[in-house]
Amino acid sequence: MMATLARATVPTARVIGWWPMVGTSALLLAAALLTAASDRPGDLLLALASAALASLVVGALHDPARTLLEPVPVSAMQRRLLRLALAGGADLVVWAVVTLLLT
């Protein structure tokens, strides 16, 4: 089963909408840099970043090919977990950088 998920990683990563994540992450990082440079508290930006990144992960869970992939030996839950791992991992890196910049 793990071999099947490993082979599904690249095609799954291709169909995830990465551009909203890249754009939002760039804006959050720029805002975090400006907040850190101005010596202002970043509590509000941290809350905004957590909400934005969480919504991006939820958006990445949408599988446009779910009806096409029903006969595949990988269950829908495993495909969702794979999407969650890919999108969540990327967002976790952005979250860590924003948190380090603001604290």
PDB file of N, CA and C in Angstrom:
ATOM      1  N   MET A   1       0.819  -1.190   0.000  1.00  0.00           N
ATOM      2  CA  MET A   1       0.000   0.000   0.000  1.00  0.00           C
ATOM      3  C   MET A   1       0.866   1.258   0.000  1.00  0.00           C
ATOM      4  N   MET A   2       1.967   1.230   0.736  1.00  0.00           N
ATOM      5  CA  MET A   2       2.839   2.396   0.785  1.00  0.00           C
ATOM      6  C   MET A   2       3.493   2.648  -0.564  1.00  0.00           C
ATOM      7  N   ALA A   3       3.787   1.581  -1.290  1.00  0.00           N
ATOM      8  CA  ALA A   3       4.378   1.759  -2.619  1.00  0.00           C
ATOM      9  C   ALA A   3       3.388   2.443  -3.552  1.00  0.00           C
ATOM     10  N   THR A   4       2.113   2.101  -3.429  1.00  0.00           N
ATOM     11  CA  THR A   4       1.091   2.731  -4.259  1.00  0.00           C
ATOM     12  C   THR A   4       0.968   4.211  -3.912  1.00  0.00           C
ATOM     13  N   LEU A   5       0.999   4.536  -2.626  1.00  0.00           N
ATOM     14  CA  LEU A   5       0.942   5.945  -2.221  1.00  0.00           C
ATOM     15  C   LEU A   5       2.191   6.700  -2.652  1.00  0.00           C
ATOM     16  N   ALA A   6       3.337   6.035  -2.596  1.00  0.00           N
ATOM     17  CA  ALA A   6       4.570   6.693  -3.027  1.00  0.00           C
ATOM     18  C   ALA A   6       4.521   7.013  -4.519  1.00  0.00           C
ATOM     19  N   ARG A   7       3.952   6.094  -5.306  1.00  0.00           N
ATOM     20  CA  ARG A   7       3.820   6.357  -6.736  1.00  0.00           C
ATOM     21  C   ARG A   7       2.765   7.409  -7.021  1.00  0.00           C
ATOM     22  N   ALA A   8       1.816   7.582  -6.131  1.00  0.00           N
ATOM     23  CA  ALA A   8       0.757   8.577  -6.328  1.00  0.00           C
ATOM     24  C   ALA A   8       1.168   9.967  -5.874  1.00  0.00           C
ATOM     25  N   THR A   9       2.322  10.100  -5.258  1.00  0.00           N
ATOM     26  CA  THR A   9       2.737  11.388  -4.709  1.00  0.00           C
ATOM     27  C   THR A   9       2.973  12.427  -5.797  1.00  0.00           C
ATOM     28  N   VAL A  10       3.697  12.067  -6.825  1.00  0.00           N
ATOM     29  CA  VAL A  10       4.013  13.041  -7.877  1.00  0.00           C
ATOM     30  C   VAL A  10       2.770  13.480  -8.642  1.00  0.00           C
ATOM     31  N   PRO A  11       1.907  12.552  -9.103  1.00  0.00           N
ATOM     32  CA  PRO A  11       0.692  13.036  -9.777  1.00  0.00           C
ATOM     33  C   PRO A  11      -0.220  13.856  -8.864  1.00  0.00           C
ATOM     34  N   THR A  12      -0.273  13.497  -7.596  1.00  0.00           N
ATOM     35  CA  THR A  12      -1.094  14.263  -6.663  1.00  0.00           C
ATOM     36  C   THR A  12      -0.518  15.659  -6.465  1.00  0.00           C
ATOM     37  N   ALA A  13       0.789  15.753  -6.359  1.00  0.00           N
ATOM     38  CA  ALA A  13       1.426  17.064  -6.193  1.00  0.00           C
ATOM     39  C   ALA A  13       1.221  17.944  -7.420  1.00  0.00           C
ATOM     40  N   ARG A  14       1.104  17.316  -8.589  1.00  0.00           N
ATOM     41  CA  ARG A  14       0.887  18.106  -9.806  1.00  0.00           C
ATOM     42  C   ARG A  14      -0.494  18.738  -9.850  1.00  0.00           C
ATOM     43  N   VAL A  15      -1.499  18.080  -9.303  1.00  0.00           N
ATOM     44  CA  VAL A  15      -2.864  18.603  -9.426  1.00  0.00           C
ATOM     45  C   VAL A  15      -3.284  19.497  -8.267  1.00  0.00           C
ATOM     46  N   ILE A  16      -2.461  19.592  -7.243  1.00  0.00           N
ATOM     47  CA  ILE A  16      -2.773  20.525  -6.156  1.00  0.00           C
ATOM     48  C   ILE A  16      -2.552  21.945  -6.673  1.00  0.00           C
ATOM     49  N   GLY A  17      -3.461  22.832  -6.334  1.00  0.00           N
ATOM     50  CA  GLY A  17      -3.326  24.232  -6.734  1.00  0.00           C
ATOM     51  C   GLY A  17      -2.270  24.929  -5.893  1.00  0.00           C
ATOM     52  N   TRP A  18      -1.051  25.004  -6.398  1.00  0.00           N
ATOM     53  CA  TRP A  18       0.054  25.575  -5.630  1.00  0.00           C
ATOM     54  C   TRP A  18       0.111  27.093  -5.715  1.00  0.00           C
ATOM     55  N   TRP A  19      -0.429  27.697  -6.779  1.00  0.00           N
ATOM     56  CA  TRP A  19      -0.302  29.140  -6.933  1.00  0.00           C
ATOM     57  C   TRP A  19      -0.983  29.935  -5.823  1.00  0.00           C
ATOM     58  N   PRO A  20      -2.154  29.562  -5.341  1.00  0.00           N
ATOM     59  CA  PRO A  20      -2.699  30.308  -4.190  1.00  0.00           C
ATOM     60  C   PRO A  20      -1.798  30.202  -2.958  1.00  0.00           C
ATOM     61  N   MET A  21      -1.192  29.030  -2.762  1.00  0.00           N
ATOM     62  CA  MET A  21      -0.293  28.876  -1.616  1.00  0.00           C
ATOM     63  C   MET A  21       0.960  29.730  -1.773  1.00  0.00           C
ATOM     64  N   VAL A  22       1.502  29.762  -2.969  1.00  0.00           N
ATOM     65  CA  VAL A  22       2.720  30.553  -3.206  1.00  0.00           C
ATOM     66  C   VAL A  22       2.424  32.040  -3.019  1.00  0.00           C
ATOM     67  N   GLY A  23       1.322  32.510  -3.591  1.00  0.00           N
ATOM     68  CA  GLY A  23       0.985  33.929  -3.469  1.00  0.00           C
ATOM     69  C   GLY A  23       0.687  34.357  -2.044  1.00  0.00           C
ATOM     70  N   THR A  24      -0.107  33.554  -1.360  1.00  0.00           N
ATOM     71  CA  THR A  24      -0.440  33.874   0.030  1.00  0.00           C
ATOM     72  C   THR A  24       0.790  33.801   0.923  1.00  0.00           C
ATOM     73  N   SER A  25       1.622  32.804   0.692  1.00  0.00           N
ATOM     74  CA  SER A  25       2.839  32.664   1.489  1.00  0.00           C
ATOM     75  C   SER A  25       3.783  33.843   1.268  1.00  0.00           C
ATOM     76  N   ALA A  26       3.903  34.289   0.027  1.00  0.00           N
ATOM     77  CA  ALA A  26       4.764  35.446  -0.252  1.00  0.00           C
ATOM     78  C   ALA A  26       4.236  36.699   0.447  1.00  0.00           C
ATOM     79  N   LEU A  27       2.923  36.903   0.403  1.00  0.00           N
ATOM     80  CA  LEU A  27       2.346  38.066   1.081  1.00  0.00           C
ATOM     81  C   LEU A  27       2.530  37.984   2.601  1.00  0.00           C
ATOM     82  N   LEU A  28       2.333  36.800   3.152  1.00  0.00           N
ATOM     83  CA  LEU A  28       2.505  36.644   4.603  1.00  0.00           C
ATOM     84  C   LEU A  28       3.957  36.860   5.018  1.00  0.00           C
ATOM     85  N   LEU A  29       4.880  36.328   4.235  1.00  0.00           N
ATOM     86  CA  LEU A  29       6.297  36.518   4.564  1.00  0.00           C
ATOM     87  C   LEU A  29       6.707  37.983   4.431  1.00  0.00           C
ATOM     88  N   ALA A  30       6.210  38.673   3.408  1.00  0.00           N
ATOM     89  CA  ALA A  30       6.513  40.094   3.263  1.00  0.00           C
ATOM     90  C   ALA A  30       5.926  40.894   4.429  1.00  0.00           C
ATOM     91  N   ALA A  31       4.708  40.577   4.814  1.00  0.00           N
ATOM     92  CA  ALA A  31       4.090  41.272   5.942  1.00  0.00           C
ATOM     93  C   ALA A  31       4.828  40.974   7.241  1.00  0.00           C
ATOM     94  N   ALA A  32       5.293  39.741   7.400  1.00  0.00           N
ATOM     95  CA  ALA A  32       6.052  39.396   8.607  1.00  0.00           C
ATOM     96  C   ALA A  32       7.387  40.130   8.646  1.00  0.00           C
ATOM     97  N   LEU A  33       8.033  40.254   7.502  1.00  0.00           N
ATOM     98  CA  LEU A  33       9.291  41.009   7.453  1.00  0.00           C
ATOM     99  C   LEU A  33       9.075  42.479   7.784  1.00  0.00           C
ATOM    100  N   LEU A  34       8.012  43.058   7.243  1.00  0.00           N
ATOM    101  CA  LEU A  34       7.720  44.463   7.542  1.00  0.00           C
ATOM    102  C   LEU A  34       7.342  44.655   9.001  1.00  0.00           C
ATOM    103  N   THR A  35       6.581  43.734   9.557  1.00  0.00           N
ATOM    104  CA  THR A  35       6.205  43.833  10.963  1.00  0.00           C
ATOM    105  C   THR A  35       7.418  43.682  11.868  1.00  0.00           C
ATOM    106  N   ALA A  36       8.297  42.748  11.530  1.00  0.00           N
ATOM    107  CA  ALA A  36       9.505  42.556  12.338  1.00  0.00           C
ATOM    108  C   ALA A  36      10.435  43.761  12.242  1.00  0.00           C
ATOM    109  N   ALA A  37      10.504  44.380  11.078  1.00  0.00           N
ATOM    110  CA  ALA A  37      11.378  45.539  10.901  1.00  0.00           C
ATOM    111  C   ALA A  37      10.840  46.775  11.607  1.00  0.00           C
ATOM    112  N   SER A  38       9.529  46.860  11.788  1.00  0.00           N
ATOM    113  CA  SER A  38       8.950  48.042  12.417  1.00  0.00           C
ATOM    114  C   SER A  38       8.811  47.912  13.925  1.00  0.00           C
ATOM    115  N   ASP A  39       9.232  46.794  14.490  1.00  0.00           N
ATOM    116  CA  ASP A  39       9.173  46.553  15.939  1.00  0.00           C
ATOM    117  C   ASP A  39       7.756  46.688  16.500  1.00  0.00           C
ATOM    118  N   ARG A  40       6.780  46.244  15.763  1.00  0.00           N
ATOM    119  CA  ARG A  40       5.393  46.226  16.237  1.00  0.00           C
ATOM    120  C   ARG A  40       5.022  44.807  16.609  1.00  0.00           C
ATOM    121  N   PRO A  41       4.027  44.644  17.473  1.00  0.00           N
ATOM    122  CA  PRO A  41       3.615  43.284  17.827  1.00  0.00           C
ATOM    123  C   PRO A  41       2.967  42.589  16.625  1.00  0.00           C
ATOM    124  N   GLY A  42       3.272  41.312  16.483  1.00  0.00           N
ATOM    125  CA  GLY A  42       2.777  40.568  15.343  1.00  0.00           C
ATOM    126  C   GLY A  42       1.652  39.613  15.662  1.00  0.00           C
ATOM    127  N   ASP A  43       0.937  39.861  16.755  1.00  0.00           N
ATOM    128  CA  ASP A  43      -0.132  38.942  17.160  1.00  0.00           C
ATOM    129  C   ASP A  43      -1.245  38.854  16.119  1.00  0.00           C
ATOM    130  N   LEU A  44      -1.664  39.997  15.615  1.00  0.00           N
ATOM    131  CA  LEU A  44      -2.742  40.006  14.632  1.00  0.00           C
ATOM    132  C   LEU A  44      -2.300  39.329  13.328  1.00  0.00           C
ATOM    133  N   LEU A  45      -1.076  39.589  12.920  1.00  0.00           N
ATOM    134  CA  LEU A  45      -0.562  38.963  11.700  1.00  0.00           C
ATOM    135  C   LEU A  45      -0.418  37.459  11.877  1.00  0.00           C
ATOM    136  N   LEU A  46      -0.045  37.019  13.053  1.00  0.00           N
ATOM    137  CA  LEU A  46       0.055  35.590  13.324  1.00  0.00           C
ATOM    138  C   LEU A  46      -1.311  34.915  13.259  1.00  0.00           C
ATOM    139  N   ALA A  47      -2.335  35.570  13.767  1.00  0.00           N
ATOM    140  CA  ALA A  47      -3.692  35.030  13.671  1.00  0.00           C
ATOM    141  C   ALA A  47      -4.171  35.011  12.224  1.00  0.00           C
ATOM    142  N   LEU A  48      -3.868  36.059  11.485  1.00  0.00           N
ATOM    143  CA  LEU A  48      -4.230  36.110  10.072  1.00  0.00           C
ATOM    144  C   LEU A  48      -3.499  35.033   9.282  1.00  0.00           C
ATOM    145  N   ALA A  49      -2.231  34.825   9.587  1.00  0.00           N
ATOM    146  CA  ALA A  49      -1.449  33.795   8.899  1.00  0.00           C
ATOM    147  C   ALA A  49      -1.991  32.408   9.192  1.00  0.00           C
ATOM    148  N   SER A  50      -2.374  32.158  10.433  1.00  0.00           N
ATOM    149  CA  SER A  50      -2.911  30.836  10.756  1.00  0.00           C
ATOM    150  C   SER A  50      -4.224  30.577  10.031  1.00  0.00           C
ATOM    151  N   ALA A  51      -5.082  31.585   9.948  1.00  0.00           N
ATOM    152  CA  ALA A  51      -6.355  31.418   9.236  1.00  0.00           C
ATOM    153  C   ALA A  51      -6.129  31.235   7.734  1.00  0.00           C
ATOM    154  N   ALA A  52      -5.231  32.002   7.168  1.00  0.00           N
ATOM    155  CA  ALA A  52      -4.972  31.905   5.725  1.00  0.00           C
ATOM    156  C   ALA A  52      -4.354  30.565   5.368  1.00  0.00           C
ATOM    157  N   LEU A  53      -3.390  30.113   6.151  1.00  0.00           N
ATOM    158  CA  LEU A  53      -2.742  28.836   5.856  1.00  0.00           C
ATOM    159  C   LEU A  53      -3.683  27.663   6.074  1.00  0.00           C
ATOM    160  N   ALA A  54      -4.536  27.757   7.076  1.00  0.00           N
ATOM    161  CA  ALA A  54      -5.509  26.684   7.291  1.00  0.00           C
ATOM    162  C   ALA A  54      -6.508  26.613   6.147  1.00  0.00           C
ATOM    163  N   SER A  55      -6.934  27.755   5.644  1.00  0.00           N
ATOM    164  CA  SER A  55      -7.868  27.736   4.520  1.00  0.00           C
ATOM    165  C   SER A  55      -7.209  27.208   3.255  1.00  0.00           C
ATOM    166  N   LEU A  56      -5.923  27.445   3.096  1.00  0.00           N
ATOM    167  CA  LEU A  56      -5.218  26.903   1.935  1.00  0.00           C
ATOM    168  C   LEU A  56      -5.103  25.387   2.008  1.00  0.00           C
ATOM    169  N   VAL A  57      -4.873  24.863   3.198  1.00  0.00           N
ATOM    170  CA  VAL A  57      -4.811  23.401   3.345  1.00  0.00           C
ATOM    171  C   VAL A  57      -6.170  22.784   3.053  1.00  0.00           C
ATOM    172  N   VAL A  58      -7.228  23.402   3.544  1.00  0.00           N
ATOM    173  CA  VAL A  58      -8.573  22.888   3.271  1.00  0.00           C
ATOM    174  C   VAL A  58      -8.864  22.958   1.773  1.00  0.00           C
ATOM    175  N   GLY A  59      -8.460  24.016   1.129  1.00  0.00           N
ATOM    176  CA  GLY A  59      -8.657  24.137  -0.309  1.00  0.00           C
ATOM    177  C   GLY A  59      -7.876  23.104  -1.099  1.00  0.00           C
ATOM    178  N   ALA A  60      -6.723  22.720  -0.593  1.00  0.00           N
ATOM    179  CA  ALA A  60      -5.901  21.718  -1.288  1.00  0.00           C
ATOM    180  C   ALA A  60      -6.486  20.321  -1.163  1.00  0.00           C
ATOM    181  N   LEU A  61      -7.393  20.113  -0.228  1.00  0.00           N
ATOM    182  CA  LEU A  61      -8.003  18.789  -0.069  1.00  0.00           C
ATOM    183  C   LEU A  61      -9.023  18.475  -1.155  1.00  0.00           C
ATOM    184  N   HIS A  62      -9.436  19.485  -1.924  1.00  0.00           N
ATOM    185  CA  HIS A  62     -10.390  19.254  -3.005  1.00  0.00           C
ATOM    186  C   HIS A  62      -9.730  18.406  -4.094  1.00  0.00           C
ATOM    187  N   ASP A  63     -10.347  17.275  -4.402  1.00  0.00           N
ATOM    188  CA  ASP A  63      -9.810  16.347  -5.397  1.00  0.00           C
ATOM    189  C   ASP A  63     -10.714  16.374  -6.630  1.00  0.00           C
ATOM    190  N   PRO A  64     -10.304  17.059  -7.702  1.00  0.00           N
ATOM    191  CA  PRO A  64     -11.164  17.141  -8.870  1.00  0.00           C
ATOM    192  C   PRO A  64     -11.324  15.807  -9.608  1.00  0.00           C
ATOM    193  N   ALA A  65     -10.451  14.856  -9.361  1.00  0.00           N
ATOM    194  CA  ALA A  65     -10.505  13.568 -10.067  1.00  0.00           C
ATOM    195  C   ALA A  65     -11.008  12.442  -9.175  1.00  0.00           C
ATOM    196  N   ARG A  66     -11.783  12.763  -8.152  1.00  0.00           N
ATOM    197  CA  ARG A  66     -12.180  11.723  -7.204  1.00  0.00           C
ATOM    198  C   ARG A  66     -13.080  10.665  -7.838  1.00  0.00           C
ATOM    199  N   THR A  67     -13.957  11.059  -8.753  1.00  0.00           N
ATOM    200  CA  THR A  67     -14.810  10.057  -9.399  1.00  0.00           C
ATOM    201  C   THR A  67     -14.017   9.191 -10.362  1.00  0.00           C
ATOM    202  N   LEU A  68     -13.006   9.759 -10.968  1.00  0.00           N
ATOM    203  CA  LEU A  68     -12.151   9.001 -11.879  1.00  0.00           C
ATOM    204  C   LEU A  68     -11.288   7.997 -11.124  1.00  0.00           C
ATOM    205  N   LEU A  69     -10.910   8.345  -9.894  1.00  0.00           N
ATOM    206  CA  LEU A  69      -9.989   7.508  -9.121  1.00  0.00           C
ATOM    207  C   LEU A  69     -10.685   6.522  -8.197  1.00  0.00           C
ATOM    208  N   GLU A  70     -11.992   6.413  -8.247  1.00  0.00           N
ATOM    209  CA  GLU A  70     -12.694   5.471  -7.367  1.00  0.00           C
ATOM    210  C   GLU A  70     -12.257   4.021  -7.550  1.00  0.00           C
ATOM    211  N   PRO A  71     -11.988   3.523  -8.776  1.00  0.00           N
ATOM    212  CA  PRO A  71     -11.575   2.123  -8.898  1.00  0.00           C
ATOM    213  C   PRO A  71     -10.112   1.845  -8.532  1.00  0.00           C
ATOM    214  N   VAL A  72      -9.347   2.864  -8.212  1.00  0.00           N
ATOM    215  CA  VAL A  72      -7.932   2.685  -7.859  1.00  0.00           C
ATOM    216  C   VAL A  72      -7.838   2.000  -6.495  1.00  0.00           C
ATOM    217  N   PRO A  73      -6.802   1.167  -6.267  1.00  0.00           N
ATOM    218  CA  PRO A  73      -6.721   0.438  -4.995  1.00  0.00           C
ATOM    219  C   PRO A  73      -6.421   1.303  -3.769  1.00  0.00           C
ATOM    220  N   VAL A  74      -6.268   2.593  -3.944  1.00  0.00           N
ATOM    221  CA  VAL A  74      -6.019   3.498  -2.818  1.00  0.00           C
ATOM    222  C   VAL A  74      -7.353   4.138  -2.442  1.00  0.00           C
ATOM    223  N   SER A  75      -7.698   4.082  -1.174  1.00  0.00           N
ATOM    224  CA  SER A  75      -8.989   4.621  -0.736  1.00  0.00           C
ATOM    225  C   SER A  75      -8.994   6.145  -0.812  1.00  0.00           C
ATOM    226  N   ALA A  76     -10.182   6.709  -0.774  1.00  0.00           N
ATOM    227  CA  ALA A  76     -10.333   8.166  -0.827  1.00  0.00           C
ATOM    228  C   ALA A  76      -9.693   8.823   0.394  1.00  0.00           C
ATOM    229  N   MET A  77      -9.792   8.179   1.541  1.00  0.00           N
ATOM    230  CA  MET A  77      -9.190   8.740   2.756  1.00  0.00           C
ATOM    231  C   MET A  77      -7.664   8.771   2.647  1.00  0.00           C
ATOM    232  N   GLN A  78      -7.077   7.746   2.065  1.00  0.00           N
ATOM    233  CA  GLN A  78      -5.622   7.741   1.899  1.00  0.00           C
ATOM    234  C   GLN A  78      -5.187   8.819   0.914  1.00  0.00           C
ATOM    235  N   ARG A  79      -5.980   9.040  -0.130  1.00  0.00           N
ATOM    236  CA  ARG A  79      -5.651  10.119  -1.070  1.00  0.00           C
ATOM    237  C   ARG A  79      -5.767  11.480  -0.392  1.00  0.00           C
ATOM    238  N   ARG A  80      -6.780  11.638   0.471  1.00  0.00           N
ATOM    239  CA  ARG A  80      -6.908  12.902   1.212  1.00  0.00           C
ATOM    240  C   ARG A  80      -5.738  13.101   2.169  1.00  0.00           C
ATOM    241  N   LEU A  81      -5.328  12.030   2.824  1.00  0.00           N
ATOM    242  CA  LEU A  81      -4.189  12.140   3.729  1.00  0.00           C
ATOM    243  C   LEU A  81      -2.906  12.490   2.978  1.00  0.00           C
ATOM    244  N   LEU A  82      -2.762  11.951   1.773  1.00  0.00           N
ATOM    245  CA  LEU A  82      -1.601  12.302   0.955  1.00  0.00           C
ATOM    246  C   LEU A  82      -1.640  13.772   0.579  1.00  0.00           C
ATOM    247  N   ARG A  83      -2.809  14.272   0.185  1.00  0.00           N
ATOM    248  CA  ARG A  83      -2.944  15.692  -0.118  1.00  0.00           C
ATOM    249  C   ARG A  83      -2.678  16.548   1.122  1.00  0.00           C
ATOM    250  N   LEU A  84      -3.179  16.081   2.257  1.00  0.00           N
ATOM    251  CA  LEU A  84      -2.956  16.805   3.508  1.00  0.00           C
ATOM    252  C   LEU A  84      -1.476  16.846   3.858  1.00  0.00           C
ATOM    253  N   ALA A  85      -0.783  15.748   3.655  1.00  0.00           N
ATOM    254  CA  ALA A  85       0.653  15.716   3.954  1.00  0.00           C
ATOM    255  C   ALA A  85       1.429  16.649   3.032  1.00  0.00           C
ATOM    256  N   LEU A  86       1.086  16.667   1.745  1.00  0.00           N
ATOM    257  CA  LEU A  86       1.805  17.532   0.808  1.00  0.00           C
ATOM    258  C   LEU A  86       1.537  19.006   1.076  1.00  0.00           C
ATOM    259  N   ALA A  87       0.265  19.376   1.150  1.00  0.00           N
ATOM    260  CA  ALA A  87      -0.086  20.782   1.361  1.00  0.00           C
ATOM    261  C   ALA A  87       0.233  21.226   2.784  1.00  0.00           C
ATOM    262  N   GLY A  88      -0.024  20.351   3.750  1.00  0.00           N
ATOM    263  CA  GLY A  88       0.265  20.696   5.141  1.00  0.00           C
ATOM    264  C   GLY A  88       1.750  20.850   5.406  1.00  0.00           C
ATOM    265  N   GLY A  89       2.547  20.031   4.761  1.00  0.00           N
ATOM    266  CA  GLY A  89       4.002  20.158   4.917  1.00  0.00           C
ATOM    267  C   GLY A  89       4.518  21.481   4.395  1.00  0.00           C
ATOM    268  N   ALA A  90       4.013  21.884   3.228  1.00  0.00           N
ATOM    269  CA  ALA A  90       4.429  23.171   2.664  1.00  0.00           C
ATOM    270  C   ALA A  90       3.961  24.332   3.538  1.00  0.00           C
ATOM    271  N   ASP A  91       2.736  24.253   4.017  1.00  0.00           N
ATOM    272  CA  ASP A  91       2.222  25.320   4.878  1.00  0.00           C
ATOM    273  C   ASP A  91       2.894  25.336   6.243  1.00  0.00           C
ATOM    274  N   LEU A  92       3.308  24.194   6.707  1.00  0.00           N
ATOM    275  CA  LEU A  92       4.016  24.142   7.986  1.00  0.00           C
ATOM    276  C   LEU A  92       5.363  24.855   7.910  1.00  0.00           C
ATOM    277  N   VAL A  93       6.024  24.729   6.782  1.00  0.00           N
ATOM    278  CA  VAL A  93       7.295  25.442   6.595  1.00  0.00           C
ATOM    279  C   VAL A  93       7.058  26.948   6.604  1.00  0.00           C
ATOM    280  N   VAL A  94       6.036  27.396   5.896  1.00  0.00           N
ATOM    281  CA  VAL A  94       5.719  28.831   5.871  1.00  0.00           C
ATOM    282  C   VAL A  94       5.322  29.310   7.262  1.00  0.00           C
ATOM    283  N   TRP A  95       4.526  28.514   7.965  1.00  0.00           N
ATOM    284  CA  TRP A  95       4.112  28.878   9.325  1.00  0.00           C
ATOM    285  C   TRP A  95       5.325  29.017  10.237  1.00  0.00           C
ATOM    286  N   ALA A  96       6.271  28.108  10.127  1.00  0.00           N
ATOM    287  CA  ALA A  96       7.468  28.167  10.973  1.00  0.00           C
ATOM    288  C   ALA A  96       8.286  29.419  10.682  1.00  0.00           C
ATOM    289  N   VAL A  97       8.427  29.756   9.415  1.00  0.00           N
ATOM    290  CA  VAL A  97       9.206  30.952   9.065  1.00  0.00           C
ATOM    291  C   VAL A  97       8.504  32.226   9.546  1.00  0.00           C
ATOM    292  N   VAL A  98       7.200  32.300   9.357  1.00  0.00           N
ATOM    293  CA  VAL A  98       6.451  33.483   9.824  1.00  0.00           C
ATOM    294  C   VAL A  98       6.528  33.593  11.336  1.00  0.00           C
ATOM    295  N   THR A  99       6.404  32.479  12.032  1.00  0.00           N
ATOM    296  CA  THR A  99       6.483  32.497  13.497  1.00  0.00           C
ATOM    297  C   THR A  99       7.868  32.930  13.971  1.00  0.00           C
ATOM    298  N   LEU A 100       8.900  32.429  13.318  1.00  0.00           N
ATOM    299  CA  LEU A 100      10.261  32.830  13.693  1.00  0.00           C
ATOM    300  C   LEU A 100      10.505  34.316  13.431  1.00  0.00           C
ATOM    301  N   LEU A 101       9.936  34.828  12.362  1.00  0.00           N
ATOM    302  CA  LEU A 101      10.123  36.247  12.075  1.00  0.00           C
ATOM    303  C   LEU A 101       9.376  37.140  13.056  1.00  0.00           C
ATOM    304  N   LEU A 102       8.232  36.679  13.528  1.00  0.00           N
ATOM    305  CA  LEU A 102       7.409  37.517  14.399  1.00  0.00           C
ATOM    306  C   LEU A 102       7.723  37.377  15.881  1.00  0.00           C
ATOM    307  N   THR A 103       8.472  36.360  16.263  1.00  0.00           N
ATOM    308  CA  THR A 103       8.794  36.213  17.690  1.00  0.00           C
ATOM    309  C   THR A 103      10.240  36.470  17.966  1.00  0.00           C
TER     310      THR A 103
END
